[in-house]
Amino acid sequence: MSKFQIFTDSCSDLTPSLREKYGIEFFRMNIVVDGQEKPADLDWQEYTYEEFYGWMYAGRKIKTTQVPITEFVDRVRPFLEKGIDILYLSCSSKLSGSINMFELAKEQLLEEFPKAKLIGVDSKRSTAPEGILAIKAALMQQEGKSLEEVAKWLEDNRLKAAFWATVDDLTYLKNAGRIKGSKAFFGNLFGVKPILVSDAEGNNLAVKNARGTKAALDEIVSGVKEWITEETDVLFLGQGKAEGSAAKLKERLAAETGLPIEEFPIGPIIGTSCGPGVVCVGWFGKEMTIKEENK
């Protein structure tokens, strides 16, 4: 196996079991709850999933931060000391500045480890698609592909990782500046629910509106069936306090696609941006071509 360590970040929403299975690490971003900074930990060690979404229901003010430069340096140094190079697959640069912070950390670390290789790849994705790409990278590493080969593959194939999602309340995405698309304007009117995709430029784009939860789930199922391919071997189903919708989606997707389904909780960063009630399906399939100007 090629000697490098794969990292994602808190936006990947990769569960502990999947990270352990594929040997993937992640850099922690932070959330700020009523002025108090806490790690955006996908292991839910400092606070639980229930506590986090409880804060949102209670109306507590929550913000997110990018990966601090100290997190990059402190987490990477032990690997470089052992001669292990680094591949960082970041959250979309349209949603986070973490890839830029990595490059600053890289400059600092190369002064100490001039022979080391540290490659950062902008996934142009977040949540399930980011995690899917990290898993694909880990499988390529297990096949003996080099750091450079894996990084090139990620750049060439990142738009094949996709999600379709919906939220209960667009206020969170609007306040966080994490949404594009004229259809988003109507998202909170009269029970209208926006249908969101990760577009070809790495934005969260509202591409359709659906009246009510059932219609929104119908649109997601239709989108999945339209965009999956023979390369799609599993669907990733995530939710943030949307257990009922997730259960209905799981039943329908299993029946209509025949694909296995991997469930995961939406983590602190994506959850803060989307709010409770978010449900998302991610997969690897057709290359995403949708942009705001051509949707």
C-alpha atoms as a PDB file:
ATOM      1  CA  MET A   1       0.000   0.000   0.000  1.00  0.00           C
ATOM      2  CA  SER A   2       1.249   3.456  -0.905  1.00  0.00           C
ATOM      3  CA  LYS A   3       2.499   5.294   2.190  1.00  0.00           C
ATOM      4  CA  PHE A   4       0.225   8.275   2.716  1.00  0.00           C
ATOM      5  CA  GLN A   5      -2.605   9.198   5.049  1.00  0.00           C
ATOM      6  CA  ILE A   6      -5.991  10.355   3.763  1.00  0.00           C
ATOM      7  CA  PHE A   7      -7.773  13.140   5.637  1.00  0.00           C
ATOM      8  CA  THR A   8     -11.158  14.740   5.126  1.00  0.00           C
ATOM      9  CA  ASP A   9     -12.763  17.273   7.471  1.00  0.00           C
ATOM     10  CA  SER A  10     -15.867  17.720   9.611  1.00  0.00           C
ATOM     11  CA  CYS A  11     -17.992  18.412   6.514  1.00  0.00           C
ATOM     12  CA  SER A  12     -17.582  14.833   5.245  1.00  0.00           C
ATOM     13  CA  ASP A  13     -19.984  13.395   7.874  1.00  0.00           C
ATOM     14  CA  LEU A  14     -18.099  10.081   7.736  1.00  0.00           C
ATOM     15  CA  THR A  15     -19.109   7.875  10.645  1.00  0.00           C
ATOM     16  CA  PRO A  16     -16.504   6.426  13.042  1.00  0.00           C
ATOM     17  CA  SER A  17     -17.122   2.922  11.680  1.00  0.00           C
ATOM     18  CA  LEU A  18     -16.516   3.974   8.073  1.00  0.00           C
ATOM     19  CA  ARG A  19     -13.405   5.973   8.960  1.00  0.00           C
ATOM     20  CA  GLU A  20     -12.031   2.967  10.852  1.00  0.00           C
ATOM     21  CA  LYS A  21     -12.913   0.551   8.043  1.00  0.00           C
ATOM     22  CA  TYR A  22     -11.083   2.608   5.398  1.00  0.00           C
ATOM     23  CA  GLY A  23      -8.328   4.136   7.541  1.00  0.00           C
ATOM     24  CA  ILE A  24      -9.479   7.721   6.986  1.00  0.00           C
ATOM     25  CA  GLU A  25      -8.746  10.591   9.383  1.00  0.00           C
ATOM     26  CA  PHE A  26     -10.486  13.968   9.548  1.00  0.00           C
ATOM     27  CA  PHE A  27      -9.565  17.517  10.495  1.00  0.00           C
ATOM     28  CA  ARG A  28     -11.920  19.122  12.959  1.00  0.00           C
ATOM     29  CA  MET A  29     -13.633  22.380  12.247  1.00  0.00           C
ATOM     30  CA  ASN A  30     -15.385  24.158  15.128  1.00  0.00           C
ATOM     31  CA  ILE A  31     -18.830  25.395  15.993  1.00  0.00           C
ATOM     32  CA  VAL A  32     -19.440  28.416  18.187  1.00  0.00           C
ATOM     33  CA  VAL A  33     -22.505  28.051  20.440  1.00  0.00           C
ATOM     34  CA  ASP A  34     -23.578  31.320  22.065  1.00  0.00           C
ATOM     35  CA  GLY A  35     -19.979  32.508  21.853  1.00  0.00           C
ATOM     36  CA  GLN A  36     -18.429  29.281  23.190  1.00  0.00           C
ATOM     37  CA  GLU A  37     -16.223  27.351  20.751  1.00  0.00           C
ATOM     38  CA  LYS A  38     -16.642  23.584  20.542  1.00  0.00           C
ATOM     39  CA  PRO A  39     -15.116  21.015  18.170  1.00  0.00           C
ATOM     40  CA  ALA A  40     -17.223  19.895  15.221  1.00  0.00           C
ATOM     41  CA  ASP A  41     -16.518  16.295  16.141  1.00  0.00           C
ATOM     42  CA  LEU A  42     -17.986  13.507  14.026  1.00  0.00           C
ATOM     43  CA  ASP A  43     -17.522  11.175  17.017  1.00  0.00           C
ATOM     44  CA  TRP A  44     -19.920  13.277  19.151  1.00  0.00           C
ATOM     45  CA  GLN A  45     -17.635  13.068  22.182  1.00  0.00           C
ATOM     46  CA  GLU A  46     -18.065  16.511  23.777  1.00  0.00           C
ATOM     47  CA  TYR A  47     -21.791  16.718  23.120  1.00  0.00           C
ATOM     48  CA  THR A  48     -24.297  14.281  21.683  1.00  0.00           C
ATOM     49  CA  TYR A  49     -26.266  14.342  18.457  1.00  0.00           C
ATOM     50  CA  GLU A  50     -29.425  14.923  20.506  1.00  0.00           C
ATOM     51  CA  GLU A  51     -27.852  17.806  22.423  1.00  0.00           C
ATOM     52  CA  PHE A  52     -26.629  19.495  19.259  1.00  0.00           C
ATOM     53  CA  TYR A  53     -29.973  19.492  17.503  1.00  0.00           C
ATOM     54  CA  GLY A  54     -31.634  20.390  20.802  1.00  0.00           C
ATOM     55  CA  TRP A  55     -29.612  23.607  20.830  1.00  0.00           C
ATOM     56  CA  MET A  56     -30.963  24.419  17.396  1.00  0.00           C
ATOM     57  CA  TYR A  57     -34.556  23.745  18.390  1.00  0.00           C
ATOM     58  CA  ALA A  58     -34.002  25.959  21.429  1.00  0.00           C
ATOM     59  CA  GLY A  59     -32.876  28.799  19.191  1.00  0.00           C
ATOM     60  CA  ARG A  60     -29.307  29.004  20.448  1.00  0.00           C
ATOM     61  CA  LYS A  61     -26.993  31.010  18.222  1.00  0.00           C
ATOM     62  CA  ILE A  62     -24.588  28.659  16.424  1.00  0.00           C
ATOM     63  CA  LYS A  63     -21.885  29.541  13.923  1.00  0.00           C
ATOM     64  CA  THR A  64     -19.225  27.458  12.189  1.00  0.00           C
ATOM     65  CA  THR A  65     -15.506  27.946  11.569  1.00  0.00           C
ATOM     66  CA  GLN A  66     -13.083  26.485   9.061  1.00  0.00           C
ATOM     67  CA  VAL A  67     -10.311  24.103  10.100  1.00  0.00           C
ATOM     68  CA  PRO A  68      -7.797  26.079  12.235  1.00  0.00           C
ATOM     69  CA  ILE A  69      -4.216  26.088  11.009  1.00  0.00           C
ATOM     70  CA  THR A  70      -3.126  24.618  14.359  1.00  0.00           C
ATOM     71  CA  GLU A  71      -5.406  21.613  13.770  1.00  0.00           C
ATOM     72  CA  PHE A  72      -3.695  20.927  10.456  1.00  0.00           C
ATOM     73  CA  VAL A  73      -0.184  21.292  11.861  1.00  0.00           C
ATOM     74  CA  ASP A  74      -0.781  19.321  15.066  1.00  0.00           C
ATOM     75  CA  ARG A  75      -2.591  16.433  13.354  1.00  0.00           C
ATOM     76  CA  VAL A  76      -0.216  16.136  10.382  1.00  0.00           C
ATOM     77  CA  ARG A  77       3.162  16.406  12.153  1.00  0.00           C
ATOM     78  CA  PRO A  78       3.062  12.892  13.757  1.00  0.00           C
ATOM     79  CA  PHE A  79       2.520  11.330  10.310  1.00  0.00           C
ATOM     80  CA  LEU A  80       5.324  13.323   8.686  1.00  0.00           C
ATOM     81  CA  GLU A  81       7.667  12.325  11.509  1.00  0.00           C
ATOM     82  CA  LYS A  82       7.072   8.711  10.458  1.00  0.00           C
ATOM     83  CA  GLY A  83       7.658   9.463   6.773  1.00  0.00           C
ATOM     84  CA  ILE A  84       3.957   9.257   5.888  1.00  0.00           C
ATOM     85  CA  ASP A  85       2.737  11.766   3.304  1.00  0.00           C
ATOM     86  CA  ILE A  86      -0.651  13.512   3.413  1.00  0.00           C
ATOM     87  CA  LEU A  87      -3.673  13.731   1.113  1.00  0.00           C
ATOM     88  CA  TYR A  88      -6.364  16.162   2.258  1.00  0.00           C
ATOM     89  CA  LEU A  89      -9.751  16.029   0.544  1.00  0.00           C
ATOM     90  CA  SER A  90     -11.431  19.244   1.612  1.00  0.00           C
ATOM     91  CA  CYS A  91     -14.968  20.508   1.773  1.00  0.00           C
ATOM     92  CA  SER A  92     -15.930  22.563  -1.282  1.00  0.00           C
ATOM     93  CA  SER A  93     -14.034  25.847  -1.426  1.00  0.00           C
ATOM     94  CA  LYS A  94     -17.378  27.486  -2.258  1.00  0.00           C
ATOM     95  CA  LEU A  95     -18.542  26.587   1.253  1.00  0.00           C
ATOM     96  CA  SER A  96     -15.369  26.705   3.364  1.00  0.00           C
ATOM     97  CA  GLY A  97     -11.927  28.291   3.296  1.00  0.00           C
ATOM     98  CA  SER A  98     -10.312  25.222   4.866  1.00  0.00           C
ATOM     99  CA  ILE A  99      -8.385  24.229   1.732  1.00  0.00           C
ATOM    100  CA  ASN A 100      -6.663  27.637   1.848  1.00  0.00           C
ATOM    101  CA  MET A 101      -5.749  27.143   5.511  1.00  0.00           C
ATOM    102  CA  PHE A 102      -4.285  23.761   4.603  1.00  0.00           C
ATOM    103  CA  GLU A 103      -2.002  25.397   2.052  1.00  0.00           C
ATOM    104  CA  LEU A 104      -0.760  27.805   4.716  1.00  0.00           C
ATOM    105  CA  ALA A 105      -0.138  24.911   7.100  1.00  0.00           C
ATOM    106  CA  LYS A 106       1.628  23.044   4.307  1.00  0.00           C
ATOM    107  CA  GLU A 107       4.118  25.886   3.829  1.00  0.00           C
ATOM    108  CA  GLN A 108       4.869  25.844   7.547  1.00  0.00           C
ATOM    109  CA  LEU A 109       5.277  22.063   7.694  1.00  0.00           C
ATOM    110  CA  LEU A 110       7.508  21.873   4.623  1.00  0.00           C
ATOM    111  CA  GLU A 111      10.024  24.094   6.371  1.00  0.00           C
ATOM    112  CA  GLU A 112      10.310  21.362   9.000  1.00  0.00           C
ATOM    113  CA  PHE A 113       9.853  18.389   6.625  1.00  0.00           C
ATOM    114  CA  PRO A 114      11.214  19.526   3.237  1.00  0.00           C
ATOM    115  CA  LYS A 115      10.991  16.053   1.655  1.00  0.00           C
ATOM    116  CA  ALA A 116       7.372  15.479   2.635  1.00  0.00           C
ATOM    117  CA  LYS A 117       4.463  15.445   0.174  1.00  0.00           C
ATOM    118  CA  LEU A 118       1.253  17.171   1.190  1.00  0.00           C
ATOM    119  CA  ILE A 119      -1.491  17.423  -1.420  1.00  0.00           C
ATOM    120  CA  GLY A 120      -4.799  19.185  -0.916  1.00  0.00           C
ATOM    121  CA  VAL A 121      -7.742  18.490  -3.249  1.00  0.00           C
ATOM    122  CA  ASP A 122     -10.872  20.647  -3.257  1.00  0.00           C
ATOM    123  CA  SER A 123     -13.651  18.055  -3.379  1.00  0.00           C
ATOM    124  CA  LYS A 124     -16.192  20.654  -4.599  1.00  0.00           C
ATOM    125  CA  ARG A 125     -18.502  18.658  -2.374  1.00  0.00           C
ATOM    126  CA  SER A 126     -19.702  18.363   1.225  1.00  0.00           C
ATOM    127  CA  THR A 127     -21.436  15.800   3.447  1.00  0.00           C
ATOM    128  CA  ALA A 128     -21.985  12.360   1.816  1.00  0.00           C
ATOM    129  CA  PRO A 129     -20.290  13.088  -1.555  1.00  0.00           C
ATOM    130  CA  GLU A 130     -17.143  14.297   0.209  1.00  0.00           C
ATOM    131  CA  GLY A 131     -17.116  11.143   2.294  1.00  0.00           C
ATOM    132  CA  ILE A 132     -17.777   8.960  -0.753  1.00  0.00           C
ATOM    133  CA  LEU A 133     -14.757  10.424  -2.533  1.00  0.00           C
ATOM    134  CA  ALA A 134     -12.580   9.790   0.528  1.00  0.00           C
ATOM    135  CA  ILE A 135     -13.667   6.136   0.530  1.00  0.00           C
ATOM    136  CA  LYS A 136     -12.910   5.854  -3.195  1.00  0.00           C
ATOM    137  CA  ALA A 137      -9.463   7.322  -2.515  1.00  0.00           C
ATOM    138  CA  ALA A 138      -8.853   4.804   0.277  1.00  0.00           C
ATOM    139  CA  LEU A 139      -9.801   1.906  -1.992  1.00  0.00           C
ATOM    140  CA  MET A 140      -7.399   3.169  -4.653  1.00  0.00           C
ATOM    141  CA  GLN A 141      -4.675   3.428  -2.033  1.00  0.00           C
ATOM    142  CA  GLN A 142      -5.313  -0.193  -1.040  1.00  0.00           C
ATOM    143  CA  GLU A 143      -4.832  -1.137  -4.712  1.00  0.00           C
ATOM    144  CA  GLY A 144      -1.357   0.423  -4.564  1.00  0.00           C
ATOM    145  CA  LYS A 145      -2.059   3.695  -6.346  1.00  0.00           C
ATOM    146  CA  SER A 146       0.335   6.525  -5.523  1.00  0.00           C
ATOM    147  CA  LEU A 147      -0.527   9.741  -3.742  1.00  0.00           C
ATOM    148  CA  GLU A 148      -0.321  11.646  -7.025  1.00  0.00           C
ATOM    149  CA  GLU A 149      -2.461   9.105  -8.879  1.00  0.00           C
ATOM    150  CA  VAL A 150      -5.201   9.250  -6.254  1.00  0.00           C
ATOM    151  CA  ALA A 151      -5.171  13.056  -6.129  1.00  0.00           C
ATOM    152  CA  LYS A 152      -5.445  13.235  -9.945  1.00  0.00           C
ATOM    153  CA  TRP A 153      -8.336  10.752  -9.943  1.00  0.00           C
ATOM    154  CA  LEU A 154     -10.175  12.827  -7.338  1.00  0.00           C
ATOM    155  CA  GLU A 155      -9.801  15.984  -9.398  1.00  0.00           C
ATOM    156  CA  ASP A 156     -11.041  14.184 -12.520  1.00  0.00           C
ATOM    157  CA  ASN A 157     -13.988  12.396 -10.873  1.00  0.00           C
ATOM    158  CA  ARG A 158     -15.166  14.610  -8.000  1.00  0.00           C
ATOM    159  CA  LEU A 159     -18.248  15.828  -9.889  1.00  0.00           C
ATOM    160  CA  LYS A 160     -19.522  12.244 -10.089  1.00  0.00           C
ATOM    161  CA  ALA A 161     -20.164  12.354  -6.337  1.00  0.00           C
ATOM    162  CA  ALA A 162     -23.576  13.923  -5.827  1.00  0.00           C
ATOM    163  CA  PHE A 163     -26.386  14.551  -3.393  1.00  0.00           C
ATOM    164  CA  TRP A 164     -30.028  15.518  -3.524  1.00  0.00           C
ATOM    165  CA  ALA A 165     -31.479  16.885  -0.314  1.00  0.00           C
ATOM    166  CA  THR A 166     -34.251  18.898   1.268  1.00  0.00           C
ATOM    167  CA  VAL A 167     -34.596  20.951   4.440  1.00  0.00           C
ATOM    168  CA  ASP A 168     -37.467  22.038   6.659  1.00  0.00           C
ATOM    169  CA  ASP A 169     -36.401  25.663   6.914  1.00  0.00           C
ATOM    170  CA  LEU A 170     -34.193  27.630   4.518  1.00  0.00           C
ATOM    171  CA  THR A 171     -33.396  30.210   7.181  1.00  0.00           C
ATOM    172  CA  TYR A 172     -30.299  28.308   8.288  1.00  0.00           C
ATOM    173  CA  LEU A 173     -28.807  28.027   4.798  1.00  0.00           C
ATOM    174  CA  LYS A 174     -29.619  31.661   4.021  1.00  0.00           C
ATOM    175  CA  ASN A 175     -28.108  32.928   7.269  1.00  0.00           C
ATOM    176  CA  ALA A 176     -24.971  30.881   6.671  1.00  0.00           C
ATOM    177  CA  GLY A 177     -24.691  32.078   3.056  1.00  0.00           C
ATOM    178  CA  ARG A 178     -24.710  28.457   1.914  1.00  0.00           C
ATOM    179  CA  ILE A 179     -27.383  28.478  -0.783  1.00  0.00           C
ATOM    180  CA  LYS A 180     -27.765  29.642  -4.361  1.00  0.00           C
ATOM    181  CA  GLY A 181     -30.646  29.566  -6.818  1.00  0.00           C
ATOM    182  CA  SER A 182     -33.682  31.740  -7.365  1.00  0.00           C
ATOM    183  CA  LYS A 183     -35.977  28.931  -6.243  1.00  0.00           C
ATOM    184  CA  ALA A 184     -34.516  29.268  -2.756  1.00  0.00           C
ATOM    185  CA  PHE A 185     -36.433  32.524  -2.362  1.00  0.00           C
ATOM    186  CA  PHE A 186     -39.724  30.656  -2.211  1.00  0.00           C
ATOM    187  CA  GLY A 187     -38.527  27.913   0.089  1.00  0.00           C
ATOM    188  CA  ASN A 188     -40.285  29.014   3.265  1.00  0.00           C
ATOM    189  CA  LEU A 189     -43.619  29.953   1.684  1.00  0.00           C
ATOM    190  CA  PHE A 190     -46.766  27.912   2.270  1.00  0.00           C
ATOM    191  CA  GLY A 191     -45.055  24.614   3.044  1.00  0.00           C
ATOM    192  CA  VAL A 192     -42.869  24.708  -0.048  1.00  0.00           C
ATOM    193  CA  LYS A 193     -39.695  22.657   0.403  1.00  0.00           C
ATOM    194  CA  PRO A 194     -36.588  23.309  -1.705  1.00  0.00           C
ATOM    195  CA  ILE A 195     -34.745  20.498  -3.475  1.00  0.00           C
ATOM    196  CA  LEU A 196     -30.995  21.016  -3.170  1.00  0.00           C
ATOM    197  CA  VAL A 197     -28.066  19.595  -5.109  1.00  0.00           C
ATOM    198  CA  SER A 198     -24.312  19.993  -4.948  1.00  0.00           C
ATOM    199  CA  ASP A 199     -23.754  21.679  -8.307  1.00  0.00           C
ATOM    200  CA  ALA A 200     -20.902  21.560 -10.815  1.00  0.00           C
ATOM    201  CA  GLU A 201     -19.108  24.435  -9.096  1.00  0.00           C
ATOM    202  CA  GLY A 202     -19.434  23.144  -5.541  1.00  0.00           C
ATOM    203  CA  ASN A 203     -22.369  25.282  -4.436  1.00  0.00           C
ATOM    204  CA  ASN A 204     -25.527  24.150  -2.683  1.00  0.00           C
ATOM    205  CA  LEU A 205     -28.073  24.961  -5.367  1.00  0.00           C
ATOM    206  CA  ALA A 206     -31.858  25.000  -5.012  1.00  0.00           C
ATOM    207  CA  VAL A 207     -33.037  23.440  -8.278  1.00  0.00           C
ATOM    208  CA  LYS A 208     -36.702  22.731  -7.589  1.00  0.00           C
ATOM    209  CA  ASN A 209     -39.464  23.421  -5.098  1.00  0.00           C
ATOM    210  CA  ALA A 210     -41.901  20.825  -3.822  1.00  0.00           C
ATOM    211  CA  ARG A 211     -45.113  21.423  -1.913  1.00  0.00           C
ATOM    212  CA  GLY A 212     -44.882  19.366   1.253  1.00  0.00           C
ATOM    213  CA  THR A 213     -42.662  16.586   2.523  1.00  0.00           C
ATOM    214  CA  LYS A 214     -44.111  13.785   0.387  1.00  0.00           C
ATOM    215  CA  ALA A 215     -43.551  15.727  -2.826  1.00  0.00           C
ATOM    216  CA  ALA A 216     -40.008  16.612  -1.716  1.00  0.00           C
ATOM    217  CA  LEU A 217     -39.180  12.962  -1.094  1.00  0.00           C
ATOM    218  CA  ASP A 218     -40.674  12.076  -4.483  1.00  0.00           C
ATOM    219  CA  GLU A 219     -38.314  14.580  -6.123  1.00  0.00           C
ATOM    220  CA  ILE A 220     -35.306  13.154  -4.283  1.00  0.00           C
ATOM    221  CA  VAL A 221     -36.128   9.586  -5.318  1.00  0.00           C
ATOM    222  CA  SER A 222     -36.597  10.732  -8.926  1.00  0.00           C
ATOM    223  CA  GLY A 223     -33.299  12.602  -8.832  1.00  0.00           C
ATOM    224  CA  VAL A 224     -31.436   9.599  -7.465  1.00  0.00           C
ATOM    225  CA  LYS A 225     -32.879   7.299 -10.127  1.00  0.00           C
ATOM    226  CA  GLU A 226     -32.000   9.776 -12.882  1.00  0.00           C
ATOM    227  CA  TRP A 227     -28.395  10.348 -11.805  1.00  0.00           C
ATOM    228  CA  ILE A 228     -27.175   6.941 -10.616  1.00  0.00           C
ATOM    229  CA  THR A 229     -25.221   4.713 -13.004  1.00  0.00           C
ATOM    230  CA  GLU A 230     -23.724   1.232 -13.085  1.00  0.00           C
ATOM    231  CA  GLU A 231     -20.858   2.725 -11.039  1.00  0.00           C
ATOM    232  CA  THR A 232     -23.284   3.381  -8.175  1.00  0.00           C
ATOM    233  CA  ASP A 233     -22.823   0.560  -5.676  1.00  0.00           C
ATOM    234  CA  VAL A 234     -24.313   2.111  -2.520  1.00  0.00           C
ATOM    235  CA  LEU A 235     -26.504   5.035  -1.478  1.00  0.00           C
ATOM    236  CA  PHE A 236     -25.660   7.143   1.554  1.00  0.00           C
ATOM    237  CA  LEU A 237     -28.703   8.376   3.448  1.00  0.00           C
ATOM    238  CA  GLY A 238     -28.169  11.139   5.993  1.00  0.00           C
ATOM    239  CA  GLN A 239     -30.538  13.058   8.231  1.00  0.00           C
ATOM    240  CA  GLY A 240     -30.519  15.633  10.999  1.00  0.00           C
ATOM    241  CA  LYS A 241     -33.521  14.985  13.242  1.00  0.00           C
ATOM    242  CA  ALA A 242     -35.571  13.830  10.259  1.00  0.00           C
ATOM    243  CA  GLU A 243     -35.970  10.191  11.213  1.00  0.00           C
ATOM    244  CA  GLY A 244     -39.454   9.846   9.740  1.00  0.00           C
ATOM    245  CA  SER A 245     -38.494  11.215   6.331  1.00  0.00           C
ATOM    246  CA  ALA A 246     -35.291   9.169   6.322  1.00  0.00           C
ATOM    247  CA  ALA A 247     -37.193   5.968   7.053  1.00  0.00           C
ATOM    248  CA  LYS A 248     -39.604   6.614   4.183  1.00  0.00           C
ATOM    249  CA  LEU A 249     -36.743   7.409   1.830  1.00  0.00           C
ATOM    250  CA  LYS A 250     -34.858   4.285   2.822  1.00  0.00           C
ATOM    251  CA  GLU A 251     -37.847   2.075   2.130  1.00  0.00           C
ATOM    252  CA  ARG A 252     -38.509   3.638  -1.262  1.00  0.00           C
ATOM    253  CA  LEU A 253     -34.883   3.747  -2.398  1.00  0.00           C
ATOM    254  CA  ALA A 254     -34.305   0.131  -1.432  1.00  0.00           C
ATOM    255  CA  ALA A 255     -37.408  -0.949  -3.348  1.00  0.00           C
ATOM    256  CA  GLU A 256     -36.866   1.225  -6.432  1.00  0.00           C
ATOM    257  CA  THR A 257     -33.085   0.981  -6.879  1.00  0.00           C
ATOM    258  CA  GLY A 258     -32.160  -2.320  -5.226  1.00  0.00           C
ATOM    259  CA  LEU A 259     -28.990  -0.701  -3.906  1.00  0.00           C
ATOM    260  CA  PRO A 260     -27.641  -1.123  -0.361  1.00  0.00           C
ATOM    261  CA  ILE A 261     -28.104   1.935   1.842  1.00  0.00           C
ATOM    262  CA  GLU A 262     -25.584   3.287   4.351  1.00  0.00           C
ATOM    263  CA  GLU A 263     -27.187   5.563   6.941  1.00  0.00           C
ATOM    264  CA  PHE A 264     -25.389   8.363   8.772  1.00  0.00           C
ATOM    265  CA  PRO A 265     -26.214  11.350  10.999  1.00  0.00           C
ATOM    266  CA  ILE A 266     -25.702  14.826   9.567  1.00  0.00           C
ATOM    267  CA  GLY A 267     -22.827  16.259  11.600  1.00  0.00           C
ATOM    268  CA  PRO A 268     -22.325  19.579  13.389  1.00  0.00           C
ATOM    269  CA  ILE A 269     -21.077  21.685  10.464  1.00  0.00           C
ATOM    270  CA  ILE A 270     -23.643  20.596   7.874  1.00  0.00           C
ATOM    271  CA  GLY A 271     -26.310  20.494  10.574  1.00  0.00           C
ATOM    272  CA  THR A 272     -25.616  24.085  11.590  1.00  0.00           C
ATOM    273  CA  SER A 273     -25.887  25.209   7.972  1.00  0.00           C
ATOM    274  CA  CYS A 274     -29.043  23.208   7.154  1.00  0.00           C
ATOM    275  CA  GLY A 275     -30.912  23.064  10.445  1.00  0.00           C
ATOM    276  CA  PRO A 276     -32.979  20.221  11.919  1.00  0.00           C
ATOM    277  CA  GLY A 277     -35.148  18.410   9.407  1.00  0.00           C
ATOM    278  CA  VAL A 278     -32.480  18.027   6.735  1.00  0.00           C
ATOM    279  CA  VAL A 279     -32.435  14.773   4.773  1.00  0.00           C
ATOM    280  CA  CYS A 280     -29.863  13.939   2.106  1.00  0.00           C
ATOM    281  CA  VAL A 281     -29.035  11.100  -0.289  1.00  0.00           C
ATOM    282  CA  GLY A 282     -25.530  10.841  -1.731  1.00  0.00           C
ATOM    283  CA  TRP A 283     -23.998   8.513  -4.334  1.00  0.00           C
ATOM    284  CA  PHE A 284     -21.337   8.130  -7.012  1.00  0.00           C
ATOM    285  CA  GLY A 285     -22.758   8.166 -10.537  1.00  0.00           C
ATOM    286  CA  LYS A 286     -23.235  10.602 -13.418  1.00  0.00           C
ATOM    287  CA  GLU A 287     -21.017  13.654 -13.602  1.00  0.00           C
ATOM    288  CA  MET A 288     -22.874  16.674 -12.250  1.00  0.00           C
ATOM    289  CA  THR A 289     -23.441  19.314 -14.912  1.00  0.00           C
ATOM    290  CA  ILE A 290     -26.074  21.499 -13.227  1.00  0.00           C
ATOM    291  CA  LYS A 291     -25.058  25.092 -12.571  1.00  0.00           C
ATOM    292  CA  GLU A 292     -27.138  28.076 -11.531  1.00  0.00           C
ATOM    293  CA  GLU A 293     -27.185  29.547 -15.044  1.00  0.00           C
ATOM    294  CA  ASN A 294     -28.191  26.307 -16.785  1.00  0.00           C
ATOM    295  CA  LYS A 295     -30.577  24.620 -14.344  1.00  0.00           C
END
